[in-house]
Amino acid sequence: MGRWLSIVVGFLAVLAAPAAVAQPPPRSIFNDWTAIVVAGDWRAHSGGPTEAFDNARRDVAATLEGLGFARDEIVQFSTRPERYPDTRPARTEAPALVQALHAGAARKTGGCLVYYTSHGAPPGVVLDVRGDGGLYTPQALARLVNDTCPDRPTIVIISACFSGVFIPVLANDQRLILTAARPDRASFGCSESDHYPFFDDCFLQSVEGSRNFAMLGQQIQACVGRKERELNLTPASEPQVWIGARLRPILPLWSFPPGAKAVRRE
């Protein structure tokens, strides 16, 4: 009897599981947005492997879902997608980013979000394609968002050293741009032992205490500054926030859903 009871309970649990997966996102302005979340590298600054970028990619994507983005409209990218069958990311390649954002923008017309976490250098961010360690330049990212999301609100978040170099090229009236560092500064948290880069960690830490993306940018700046001071890391990375003139008055009105919080898997 006990054995049959266990079987029945297990069967009912299986039947219930798809219903949990199918839960719609909370009502939000971002229900009609599309997003890509990209891990651009898998190596630490030492050259050894790190899970920091893919941990951030996974948990940022899950957190965006809690902010109202539909799960099917958040496309994840990894340089080693075969390692992560649970989240099923696509392989990080420049044409694939274009295809995914173009397709998403055709389905969802409210706005676009690009989140990119990787190493960076003054010419751009690392986009590692099967070990080649190439760079994705500000001009390439500008073409991506200009071609796929013209004339609509767009949020671009870049977690990488020197990522402030992207702001002058990406800036327009309908964009919010958050970067992990000034154009001339490194950022921190990309070692083999780091669970997340500092900026990504602060993104996740700051969601619950923020009412919208404008406030979130300010909270991230404060969080990164605290972490760097506590660890005596210099020079400070000084994350940047840029908000276009047309977006500035309405961005604070795009509130996060009540009770929004980050998803963090340790």
Protein backbone atom coordinates (compact mmCIF):
# COMPACT_ATOMS: atom_id res chain seq x y z
CA MET A 1 0.00 0.00 0.00
CA GLY A 2 2.79 2.40 0.91
CA ARG A 3 4.53 1.71 -2.39
CA TRP A 4 1.38 2.44 -4.41
CA LEU A 5 0.73 5.59 -2.41
CA SER A 6 4.25 6.81 -3.25
CA ILE A 7 3.65 6.12 -6.94
CA VAL A 8 0.36 8.03 -6.92
CA VAL A 9 1.91 10.99 -5.09
CA GLY A 10 4.81 11.05 -7.52
CA PHE A 11 2.45 10.90 -10.51
CA LEU A 12 0.40 13.79 -9.17
CA ALA A 13 3.57 15.82 -8.61
CA VAL A 14 4.58 15.28 -12.24
CA LEU A 15 1.14 16.43 -13.39
CA ALA A 16 1.41 19.55 -11.23
CA ALA A 17 4.92 20.53 -12.38
CA PRO A 18 3.99 21.92 -15.83
CA ALA A 19 1.38 24.19 -14.27
CA ALA A 20 4.09 25.80 -12.11
CA VAL A 21 6.36 26.30 -15.14
CA ALA A 22 3.51 27.90 -17.10
CA GLN A 23 2.87 30.64 -14.53
CA PRO A 24 2.57 33.99 -16.36
CA PRO A 25 4.88 36.84 -15.35
CA PRO A 26 3.51 39.45 -12.93
CA ARG A 27 1.63 42.31 -14.57
CA SER A 28 4.14 44.95 -15.56
CA ILE A 29 5.03 47.40 -18.32
CA PHE A 30 7.70 44.86 -19.22
CA ASN A 31 5.16 42.21 -20.25
CA ASP A 32 5.45 43.64 -23.76
CA TRP A 33 9.27 43.80 -23.81
CA THR A 34 11.86 41.41 -25.17
CA ALA A 35 15.33 40.73 -23.73
CA ILE A 36 18.62 38.98 -24.34
CA VAL A 37 21.02 38.13 -21.50
CA VAL A 38 24.55 37.32 -22.62
CA ALA A 39 27.55 35.73 -20.91
CA GLY A 40 30.43 36.69 -23.19
CA ASP A 41 33.27 34.65 -21.67
CA TRP A 42 33.99 31.69 -19.41
CA ARG A 43 37.51 32.56 -18.26
CA ALA A 44 38.67 34.38 -15.16
CA HIS A 45 41.19 37.19 -15.38
CA SER A 46 43.82 34.54 -14.55
CA GLY A 47 42.92 32.57 -17.67
CA GLY A 48 41.39 29.72 -15.68
CA PRO A 49 37.69 28.84 -15.84
CA THR A 50 35.05 30.75 -13.91
CA GLU A 51 31.31 30.33 -13.50
CA ALA A 52 30.84 34.00 -12.58
CA PHE A 53 29.50 35.18 -15.94
CA ASP A 54 27.17 32.23 -16.44
CA ASN A 55 25.92 32.44 -12.87
CA ALA A 56 25.06 36.08 -13.52
CA ARG A 57 23.47 35.26 -16.88
CA ARG A 58 21.26 32.60 -15.32
CA ASP A 59 20.14 34.62 -12.29
CA VAL A 60 19.69 37.94 -14.08
CA ALA A 61 17.42 36.19 -16.60
CA ALA A 62 15.36 34.63 -13.81
CA THR A 63 15.16 37.99 -12.03
CA LEU A 64 13.93 39.74 -15.18
CA GLU A 65 11.09 37.25 -15.31
CA GLY A 66 10.07 38.41 -11.84
CA LEU A 67 10.08 42.01 -13.11
CA GLY A 68 7.48 41.11 -15.73
CA PHE A 69 9.45 39.92 -18.74
CA ALA A 70 7.88 36.80 -20.24
CA ARG A 71 10.13 33.76 -19.90
CA ASP A 72 9.88 32.97 -23.61
CA GLU A 73 11.00 36.52 -24.41
CA ILE A 74 14.26 36.28 -22.44
CA VAL A 75 16.87 34.59 -24.62
CA GLN A 76 20.03 33.55 -22.78
CA PHE A 77 23.47 33.15 -24.38
CA SER A 78 26.54 31.33 -23.08
CA THR A 79 29.97 30.57 -24.47
CA ARG A 80 29.57 26.99 -23.18
CA PRO A 81 25.85 26.28 -23.58
CA GLU A 82 26.28 22.52 -23.41
CA ARG A 83 27.16 22.85 -19.71
CA TYR A 84 23.80 24.37 -18.76
CA PRO A 85 20.92 22.15 -19.92
CA ASP A 86 18.70 23.51 -17.15
CA THR A 87 18.54 27.00 -18.69
CA ARG A 88 19.20 25.98 -22.32
CA PRO A 89 21.16 29.06 -23.41
CA ALA A 90 22.07 29.56 -27.05
CA ARG A 91 25.72 29.83 -28.03
CA THR A 92 27.15 33.34 -27.77
CA GLU A 93 27.78 34.45 -31.35
CA ALA A 94 27.22 37.89 -32.82
CA PRO A 95 24.77 36.82 -35.58
CA ALA A 96 22.73 34.85 -33.03
CA LEU A 97 22.34 37.96 -30.85
CA VAL A 98 20.97 39.87 -33.84
CA GLN A 99 18.58 37.09 -34.80
CA ALA A 100 17.25 36.66 -31.27
CA LEU A 101 16.66 40.35 -30.59
CA HIS A 102 15.19 40.92 -34.05
CA ALA A 103 12.74 38.05 -33.59
CA GLY A 104 11.82 39.17 -30.08
CA ALA A 105 11.29 42.77 -31.16
CA ALA A 106 8.91 41.58 -33.88
CA ARG A 107 6.78 39.80 -31.28
CA LYS A 108 7.00 42.31 -28.44
CA THR A 109 6.79 45.97 -29.37
CA GLY A 110 6.99 47.65 -25.96
CA GLY A 111 10.77 47.83 -25.65
CA CYS A 112 14.06 45.93 -25.61
CA LEU A 113 16.61 45.03 -22.95
CA VAL A 114 20.17 43.84 -23.52
CA TYR A 115 22.21 42.57 -20.55
CA TYR A 116 25.84 41.66 -21.33
CA THR A 117 28.31 40.33 -18.76
CA SER A 118 31.92 39.57 -19.69
CA HIS A 119 35.46 40.85 -19.56
CA GLY A 120 36.13 44.19 -21.17
CA ALA A 121 38.88 46.30 -22.70
CA PRO A 122 38.92 49.86 -24.03
CA PRO A 123 37.90 48.68 -27.54
CA GLY A 124 34.89 46.63 -26.32
CA VAL A 125 33.68 43.58 -24.41
CA VAL A 126 34.88 40.02 -24.86
CA LEU A 127 32.69 37.87 -27.09
CA ASP A 128 34.35 34.47 -26.95
CA VAL A 129 33.34 32.24 -29.86
CA ARG A 130 34.72 28.76 -29.30
CA GLY A 131 37.84 30.04 -27.60
CA ASP A 132 38.87 32.85 -29.94
CA GLY A 133 38.43 35.62 -27.35
CA GLY A 134 37.18 38.23 -29.83
CA LEU A 135 35.73 41.64 -28.94
CA TYR A 136 32.23 43.02 -29.38
CA THR A 137 32.69 46.73 -30.02
CA PRO A 138 30.45 49.65 -29.08
CA GLN A 139 29.75 50.12 -32.78
CA ALA A 140 28.60 46.50 -33.13
CA LEU A 141 26.28 46.75 -30.13
CA ALA A 142 24.92 50.06 -31.42
CA ARG A 143 24.11 48.43 -34.77
CA LEU A 144 22.37 45.61 -32.91
CA VAL A 145 19.99 47.86 -30.99
CA ASN A 146 19.59 50.44 -33.78
CA ASP A 147 18.57 47.77 -36.29
CA THR A 148 16.36 45.67 -34.03
CA CYS A 149 14.79 48.19 -31.65
CA PRO A 150 14.59 51.56 -33.41
CA ASP A 151 12.23 54.18 -32.06
CA ARG A 152 11.34 52.29 -28.91
CA PRO A 153 12.59 52.35 -25.31
CA THR A 154 15.73 50.28 -24.82
CA ILE A 155 17.69 49.38 -21.70
CA VAL A 156 21.32 48.33 -22.19
CA ILE A 157 23.26 46.98 -19.21
CA ILE A 158 26.94 46.13 -19.67
CA SER A 159 28.89 44.46 -16.88
CA ALA A 160 32.55 44.61 -17.92
CA CYS A 161 35.77 46.52 -17.40
CA PHE A 162 35.95 49.84 -19.28
CA SER A 163 32.28 49.46 -20.28
CA GLY A 164 31.68 53.20 -20.05
CA VAL A 165 33.14 53.37 -23.57
CA PHE A 166 29.77 52.15 -24.84
CA ILE A 167 27.77 55.15 -23.65
CA PRO A 168 28.74 57.77 -26.27
CA VAL A 169 28.04 55.35 -29.13
CA LEU A 170 24.79 53.90 -27.74
CA ALA A 171 23.26 57.06 -26.28
CA ASN A 172 19.96 58.31 -27.66
CA ASP A 173 16.79 59.89 -26.31
CA GLN A 174 14.99 56.61 -25.57
CA ARG A 175 17.75 54.62 -23.89
CA LEU A 176 18.88 53.81 -20.38
CA ILE A 177 22.48 52.63 -20.28
CA LEU A 178 24.07 51.13 -17.17
CA THR A 179 27.74 50.18 -17.23
CA ALA A 180 29.95 48.55 -14.63
CA ALA A 181 32.79 51.04 -14.99
CA ARG A 182 33.99 54.35 -16.35
CA PRO A 183 35.58 54.26 -19.82
CA ASP A 184 39.03 54.29 -18.22
CA ARG A 185 38.45 51.96 -15.26
CA ALA A 186 38.42 48.23 -14.62
CA SER A 187 35.64 46.53 -12.68
CA PHE A 188 36.00 43.69 -10.19
CA GLY A 189 34.78 40.21 -9.36
CA CYS A 190 35.92 38.09 -12.31
CA SER A 191 38.21 35.59 -10.58
CA GLU A 192 37.89 31.82 -10.61
CA SER A 193 36.38 31.89 -7.11
CA ASP A 194 33.86 34.72 -7.63
CA HIS A 195 30.23 33.66 -7.77
CA TYR A 196 29.25 36.81 -9.69
CA PRO A 197 31.14 39.86 -10.95
CA PHE A 198 30.66 42.73 -8.49
CA PHE A 199 28.32 44.68 -10.76
CA ASP A 200 26.07 41.68 -11.44
CA ASP A 201 26.02 40.85 -7.74
CA CYS A 202 24.94 44.41 -6.99
CA PHE A 203 22.28 44.30 -9.72
CA LEU A 204 20.76 41.29 -7.98
CA GLN A 205 21.21 42.73 -4.49
CA SER A 206 19.57 46.02 -5.46
CA VAL A 207 16.42 44.83 -7.22
CA GLU A 208 14.41 44.32 -4.04
CA GLY A 209 15.14 47.82 -2.73
CA SER A 210 14.43 49.59 -6.02
CA ARG A 211 11.11 50.73 -7.45
CA ASN A 212 12.23 51.03 -11.07
CA PHE A 213 15.27 50.84 -13.34
CA ALA A 214 16.23 54.47 -12.70
CA MET A 215 16.47 53.80 -8.97
CA LEU A 216 18.13 50.45 -9.63
CA GLY A 217 21.00 52.15 -11.45
CA GLN A 218 21.63 54.43 -8.47
CA GLN A 219 21.44 51.53 -6.02
CA ILE A 220 23.94 49.53 -8.07
CA GLN A 221 26.38 52.44 -8.04
CA ALA A 222 26.15 52.67 -4.25
CA CYS A 223 26.46 48.91 -3.79
CA VAL A 224 29.56 48.58 -5.99
CA GLY A 225 31.18 51.52 -4.22
CA ARG A 226 30.60 49.91 -0.81
CA LYS A 227 32.03 46.55 -1.91
CA GLU A 228 35.13 48.15 -3.36
CA ARG A 229 35.75 50.27 -0.25
CA GLU A 230 35.27 47.29 2.07
CA LEU A 231 37.92 45.36 0.12
CA ASN A 232 40.20 48.37 -0.43
CA LEU A 233 40.06 47.93 -4.20
CA THR A 234 41.39 50.84 -6.21
CA PRO A 235 40.92 52.68 -8.42
CA ALA A 236 37.14 52.62 -7.99
CA SER A 237 35.26 51.34 -11.03
CA GLU A 238 32.54 54.04 -10.79
CA PRO A 239 29.57 52.43 -12.59
CA GLN A 240 27.84 54.78 -15.00
CA VAL A 241 24.14 55.59 -15.51
CA TRP A 242 22.94 57.40 -18.64
CA ILE A 243 19.25 58.18 -19.31
CA GLY A 244 17.99 59.71 -22.55
CA ALA A 245 15.93 62.89 -22.46
CA ARG A 246 12.68 61.30 -23.67
CA LEU A 247 13.02 58.35 -21.31
CA ARG A 248 13.98 60.34 -18.21
CA PRO A 249 10.49 61.61 -17.23
CA ILE A 250 8.71 58.28 -17.80
CA LEU A 251 11.28 55.76 -16.55
CA PRO A 252 10.40 56.31 -12.85
CA LEU A 253 6.75 55.56 -13.73
CA TRP A 254 7.62 52.06 -14.95
CA SER A 255 7.42 50.49 -11.55
CA PHE A 256 8.64 47.00 -10.73
CA PRO A 257 5.85 44.61 -9.68
CA PRO A 258 5.04 44.57 -5.95
CA GLY A 259 7.32 42.21 -4.08
CA ALA A 260 9.86 41.96 -6.90
CA LYS A 261 13.08 40.34 -5.77
CA ALA A 262 16.19 38.80 -7.25
CA VAL A 263 16.70 35.12 -7.93
CA ARG A 264 20.06 34.00 -6.54
CA ARG A 265 21.30 30.43 -6.78
CA GLU A 266 24.37 29.89 -4.65
